């Protein structure tokens, strides 16, 4: 894993159709990483509390976790992915660099947060999250 030269950490944003899912997975990942100030935030649901994805909630969460080391975005379902891709295509809405990571939401979030807290750069965080697809349960 590549170590960063300073205390900046890669931020992780969990994009879900549900605020409870996004915030719950963020809290679980931070807890498992053992760091109270883990750079992870949920961006779930619509501002009125209903199911859906919100460009504003994603953008705000990305800015909140950004420390200059990059931001990794993990998304749950198709339209959440499309919303993230739209924001990335706009070019100047999200902090630079920001990357959509192809990873399972729960396992990928835990791997990403642990790697970020350990000092991994954006490439290492993305690789750890993507590797979560290989985790076997049986």
C-alpha atoms as a PDB file:
ATOM      1  CA  UNK A   1       0.000   0.000   0.000  1.00  0.00           C
ATOM      2  CA  UNK A   2       1.297   3.436  -0.869  1.00  0.00           C
ATOM      3  CA  UNK A   3       1.603   5.729   2.151  1.00  0.00           C
ATOM      4  CA  UNK A   4       0.608   9.371   1.904  1.00  0.00           C
ATOM      5  CA  UNK A   5       3.195  11.996   2.730  1.00  0.00           C
ATOM      6  CA  UNK A   6       1.012  13.811   5.264  1.00  0.00           C
ATOM      7  CA  UNK A   7      -2.038  13.252   7.448  1.00  0.00           C
ATOM      8  CA  UNK A   8      -4.562  13.698   4.643  1.00  0.00           C
ATOM      9  CA  UNK A   9      -6.847  10.713   4.146  1.00  0.00           C
ATOM     10  CA  UNK A  10      -8.875   9.615   1.164  1.00  0.00           C
ATOM     11  CA  UNK A  11     -12.534  10.386   1.767  1.00  0.00           C
ATOM     12  CA  UNK A  12     -15.208   7.785   1.149  1.00  0.00           C
ATOM     13  CA  UNK A  13     -18.824   8.577   0.236  1.00  0.00           C
ATOM     14  CA  UNK A  14     -21.454   5.852   0.326  1.00  0.00           C
ATOM     15  CA  UNK A  15     -24.273   6.559  -2.119  1.00  0.00           C
ATOM     16  CA  UNK A  16     -27.492   4.672  -1.472  1.00  0.00           C
ATOM     17  CA  UNK A  17     -31.167   5.055  -2.210  1.00  0.00           C
ATOM     18  CA  UNK A  18     -31.725   4.932   1.548  1.00  0.00           C
ATOM     19  CA  UNK A  19     -30.394   7.434   4.072  1.00  0.00           C
ATOM     20  CA  UNK A  20     -30.489   4.752   6.767  1.00  0.00           C
ATOM     21  CA  UNK A  21     -28.444   2.319   4.667  1.00  0.00           C
ATOM     22  CA  UNK A  22     -25.812   4.900   3.698  1.00  0.00           C
ATOM     23  CA  UNK A  23     -25.432   6.298   7.212  1.00  0.00           C
ATOM     24  CA  UNK A  24     -25.554   2.851   8.832  1.00  0.00           C
ATOM     25  CA  UNK A  25     -22.855   1.401   6.582  1.00  0.00           C
ATOM     26  CA  UNK A  26     -20.718   4.515   7.114  1.00  0.00           C
ATOM     27  CA  UNK A  27     -21.025   4.151  10.895  1.00  0.00           C
ATOM     28  CA  UNK A  28     -20.250   0.435  10.727  1.00  0.00           C
ATOM     29  CA  UNK A  29     -17.177   0.957   8.525  1.00  0.00           C
ATOM     30  CA  UNK A  30     -15.849   3.696  10.808  1.00  0.00           C
ATOM     31  CA  UNK A  31     -16.464   1.538  13.858  1.00  0.00           C
ATOM     32  CA  UNK A  32     -14.700  -1.457  12.348  1.00  0.00           C
ATOM     33  CA  UNK A  33     -11.776   0.770  11.358  1.00  0.00           C
ATOM     34  CA  UNK A  34     -11.574   1.810  15.002  1.00  0.00           C
ATOM     35  CA  UNK A  35     -11.330   5.521  14.268  1.00  0.00           C
ATOM     36  CA  UNK A  36     -13.904   8.020  15.482  1.00  0.00           C
ATOM     37  CA  UNK A  37     -12.978  10.567  12.820  1.00  0.00           C
ATOM     38  CA  UNK A  38     -12.866   8.185   9.853  1.00  0.00           C
ATOM     39  CA  UNK A  39     -13.290  10.092   6.576  1.00  0.00           C
ATOM     40  CA  UNK A  40     -16.550   8.445   5.532  1.00  0.00           C
ATOM     41  CA  UNK A  41     -20.013   9.861   4.956  1.00  0.00           C
ATOM     42  CA  UNK A  42     -23.330   8.535   3.808  1.00  0.00           C
ATOM     43  CA  UNK A  43     -25.205  10.226   0.976  1.00  0.00           C
ATOM     44  CA  UNK A  44     -28.480   8.388   0.901  1.00  0.00           C
ATOM     45  CA  UNK A  45     -32.037   9.195   0.073  1.00  0.00           C
ATOM     46  CA  UNK A  46     -33.655  12.405  -1.008  1.00  0.00           C
ATOM     47  CA  UNK A  47     -33.682  15.596   1.072  1.00  0.00           C
ATOM     48  CA  UNK A  48     -37.302  14.933   2.122  1.00  0.00           C
ATOM     49  CA  UNK A  49     -36.311  11.530   3.558  1.00  0.00           C
ATOM     50  CA  UNK A  50     -37.797   9.438   0.770  1.00  0.00           C
ATOM     51  CA  UNK A  51     -35.922   6.825  -1.237  1.00  0.00           C
ATOM     52  CA  UNK A  52     -33.776   8.010  -4.112  1.00  0.00           C
ATOM     53  CA  UNK A  53     -30.451   9.648  -4.829  1.00  0.00           C
ATOM     54  CA  UNK A  54     -29.659  13.322  -4.577  1.00  0.00           C
ATOM     55  CA  UNK A  55     -26.882  15.123  -6.434  1.00  0.00           C
ATOM     56  CA  UNK A  56     -26.842  17.726  -3.652  1.00  0.00           C
ATOM     57  CA  UNK A  57     -26.420  15.144  -0.868  1.00  0.00           C
ATOM     58  CA  UNK A  58     -23.607  13.413  -2.786  1.00  0.00           C
ATOM     59  CA  UNK A  59     -21.808  16.670  -3.508  1.00  0.00           C
ATOM     60  CA  UNK A  60     -22.110  17.867   0.099  1.00  0.00           C
ATOM     61  CA  UNK A  61     -20.836  14.543   1.469  1.00  0.00           C
ATOM     62  CA  UNK A  62     -17.870  14.543  -0.935  1.00  0.00           C
ATOM     63  CA  UNK A  63     -16.892  18.052   0.106  1.00  0.00           C
ATOM     64  CA  UNK A  64     -17.260  17.128   3.785  1.00  0.00           C
ATOM     65  CA  UNK A  65     -14.851  14.154   3.598  1.00  0.00           C
ATOM     66  CA  UNK A  66     -12.386  15.753   1.175  1.00  0.00           C
ATOM     67  CA  UNK A  67      -8.995  16.556   2.690  1.00  0.00           C
ATOM     68  CA  UNK A  68      -7.165  16.885  -0.612  1.00  0.00           C
ATOM     69  CA  UNK A  69      -6.176  13.212  -0.936  1.00  0.00           C
ATOM     70  CA  UNK A  70      -9.088  12.260  -3.167  1.00  0.00           C
ATOM     71  CA  UNK A  71     -12.595  10.906  -2.712  1.00  0.00           C
ATOM     72  CA  UNK A  72     -13.846   7.397  -3.469  1.00  0.00           C
ATOM     73  CA  UNK A  73     -17.556   6.992  -4.200  1.00  0.00           C
ATOM     74  CA  UNK A  74     -19.308   3.646  -3.691  1.00  0.00           C
ATOM     75  CA  UNK A  75     -22.909   3.275  -4.857  1.00  0.00           C
ATOM     76  CA  UNK A  76     -25.606   0.689  -4.228  1.00  0.00           C
ATOM     77  CA  UNK A  77     -27.872   0.395  -7.296  1.00  0.00           C
ATOM     78  CA  UNK A  78     -28.146   1.450 -10.926  1.00  0.00           C
ATOM     79  CA  UNK A  79     -29.634   4.927 -10.649  1.00  0.00           C
ATOM     80  CA  UNK A  80     -27.245   5.808  -7.814  1.00  0.00           C
ATOM     81  CA  UNK A  81     -24.400   4.854 -10.140  1.00  0.00           C
ATOM     82  CA  UNK A  82     -25.914   6.971 -12.921  1.00  0.00           C
ATOM     83  CA  UNK A  83     -26.255   9.955 -10.577  1.00  0.00           C
ATOM     84  CA  UNK A  84     -22.590   9.660  -9.583  1.00  0.00           C
ATOM     85  CA  UNK A  85     -21.529   9.319 -13.231  1.00  0.00           C
ATOM     86  CA  UNK A  86     -23.509  12.455 -14.091  1.00  0.00           C
ATOM     87  CA  UNK A  87     -21.747  14.404 -11.337  1.00  0.00           C
ATOM     88  CA  UNK A  88     -18.347  13.135 -12.467  1.00  0.00           C
ATOM     89  CA  UNK A  89     -19.122  14.118 -16.074  1.00  0.00           C
ATOM     90  CA  UNK A  90     -19.931  17.674 -15.001  1.00  0.00           C
ATOM     91  CA  UNK A  91     -16.289  17.975 -14.054  1.00  0.00           C
ATOM     92  CA  UNK A  92     -16.284  20.811 -11.538  1.00  0.00           C
ATOM     93  CA  UNK A  93     -18.906  19.742  -8.996  1.00  0.00           C
ATOM     94  CA  UNK A  94     -16.947  17.173  -6.975  1.00  0.00           C
ATOM     95  CA  UNK A  95     -13.509  17.570  -5.375  1.00  0.00           C
ATOM     96  CA  UNK A  96     -10.529  16.462  -7.463  1.00  0.00           C
ATOM     97  CA  UNK A  97      -9.667  13.679  -7.713  1.00  0.00           C
ATOM     98  CA  UNK A  98     -12.936  11.835  -7.180  1.00  0.00           C
ATOM     99  CA  UNK A  99     -13.501   8.318  -8.447  1.00  0.00           C
ATOM    100  CA  UNK A 100     -16.480   5.974  -8.688  1.00  0.00           C
ATOM    101  CA  UNK A 101     -15.320   2.615  -7.359  1.00  0.00           C
ATOM    102  CA  UNK A 102     -16.876  -0.628  -8.606  1.00  0.00           C
ATOM    103  CA  UNK A 103     -17.282  -2.439  -5.284  1.00  0.00           C
ATOM    104  CA  UNK A 104     -19.951  -4.004  -3.092  1.00  0.00           C
ATOM    105  CA  UNK A 105     -21.341  -1.327  -0.798  1.00  0.00           C
ATOM    106  CA  UNK A 106     -20.891  -2.930   2.636  1.00  0.00           C
ATOM    107  CA  UNK A 107     -17.724  -4.985   2.227  1.00  0.00           C
ATOM    108  CA  UNK A 108     -16.197  -2.390  -0.078  1.00  0.00           C
ATOM    109  CA  UNK A 109     -16.914   0.414   2.371  1.00  0.00           C
ATOM    110  CA  UNK A 110     -15.202  -1.409   5.218  1.00  0.00           C
ATOM    111  CA  UNK A 111     -12.153  -2.192   3.082  1.00  0.00           C
ATOM    112  CA  UNK A 112     -11.988   1.367   1.746  1.00  0.00           C
ATOM    113  CA  UNK A 113     -12.247   3.020   5.158  1.00  0.00           C
ATOM    114  CA  UNK A 114      -9.676   0.707   6.756  1.00  0.00           C
ATOM    115  CA  UNK A 115      -7.266   1.355   3.879  1.00  0.00           C
ATOM    116  CA  UNK A 116      -7.818   5.112   4.017  1.00  0.00           C
ATOM    117  CA  UNK A 117      -7.301   5.238   7.784  1.00  0.00           C
ATOM    118  CA  UNK A 118      -4.136   3.182   7.283  1.00  0.00           C
ATOM    119  CA  UNK A 119      -2.736   5.845   4.970  1.00  0.00           C
ATOM    120  CA  UNK A 120      -3.533   4.372   1.575  1.00  0.00           C
ATOM    121  CA  UNK A 121      -3.799   6.665  -1.414  1.00  0.00           C
ATOM    122  CA  UNK A 122      -6.812   6.774  -3.752  1.00  0.00           C
ATOM    123  CA  UNK A 123      -5.510   3.906  -5.887  1.00  0.00           C
ATOM    124  CA  UNK A 124      -4.996   1.703  -2.805  1.00  0.00           C
ATOM    125  CA  UNK A 125      -8.415   2.586  -1.388  1.00  0.00           C
ATOM    126  CA  UNK A 126     -10.109   1.790  -4.705  1.00  0.00           C
ATOM    127  CA  UNK A 127      -8.202  -1.495  -5.061  1.00  0.00           C
ATOM    128  CA  UNK A 128      -9.098  -2.590  -1.519  1.00  0.00           C
ATOM    129  CA  UNK A 129     -12.785  -1.829  -2.096  1.00  0.00           C
ATOM    130  CA  UNK A 130     -12.823  -3.587  -5.477  1.00  0.00           C
ATOM    131  CA  UNK A 131     -11.097  -6.635  -3.985  1.00  0.00           C
ATOM    132  CA  UNK A 132     -14.114  -7.044  -1.701  1.00  0.00           C
ATOM    133  CA  UNK A 133     -15.901  -8.705  -4.641  1.00  0.00           C
ATOM    134  CA  UNK A 134     -13.662 -11.724  -4.047  1.00  0.00           C
ATOM    135  CA  UNK A 135     -14.640 -12.209  -0.389  1.00  0.00           C
ATOM    136  CA  UNK A 136     -16.191 -15.646  -0.015  1.00  0.00           C
ATOM    137  CA  UNK A 137     -18.859 -16.423   2.571  1.00  0.00           C
ATOM    138  CA  UNK A 138     -18.923 -20.189   2.133  1.00  0.00           C
END
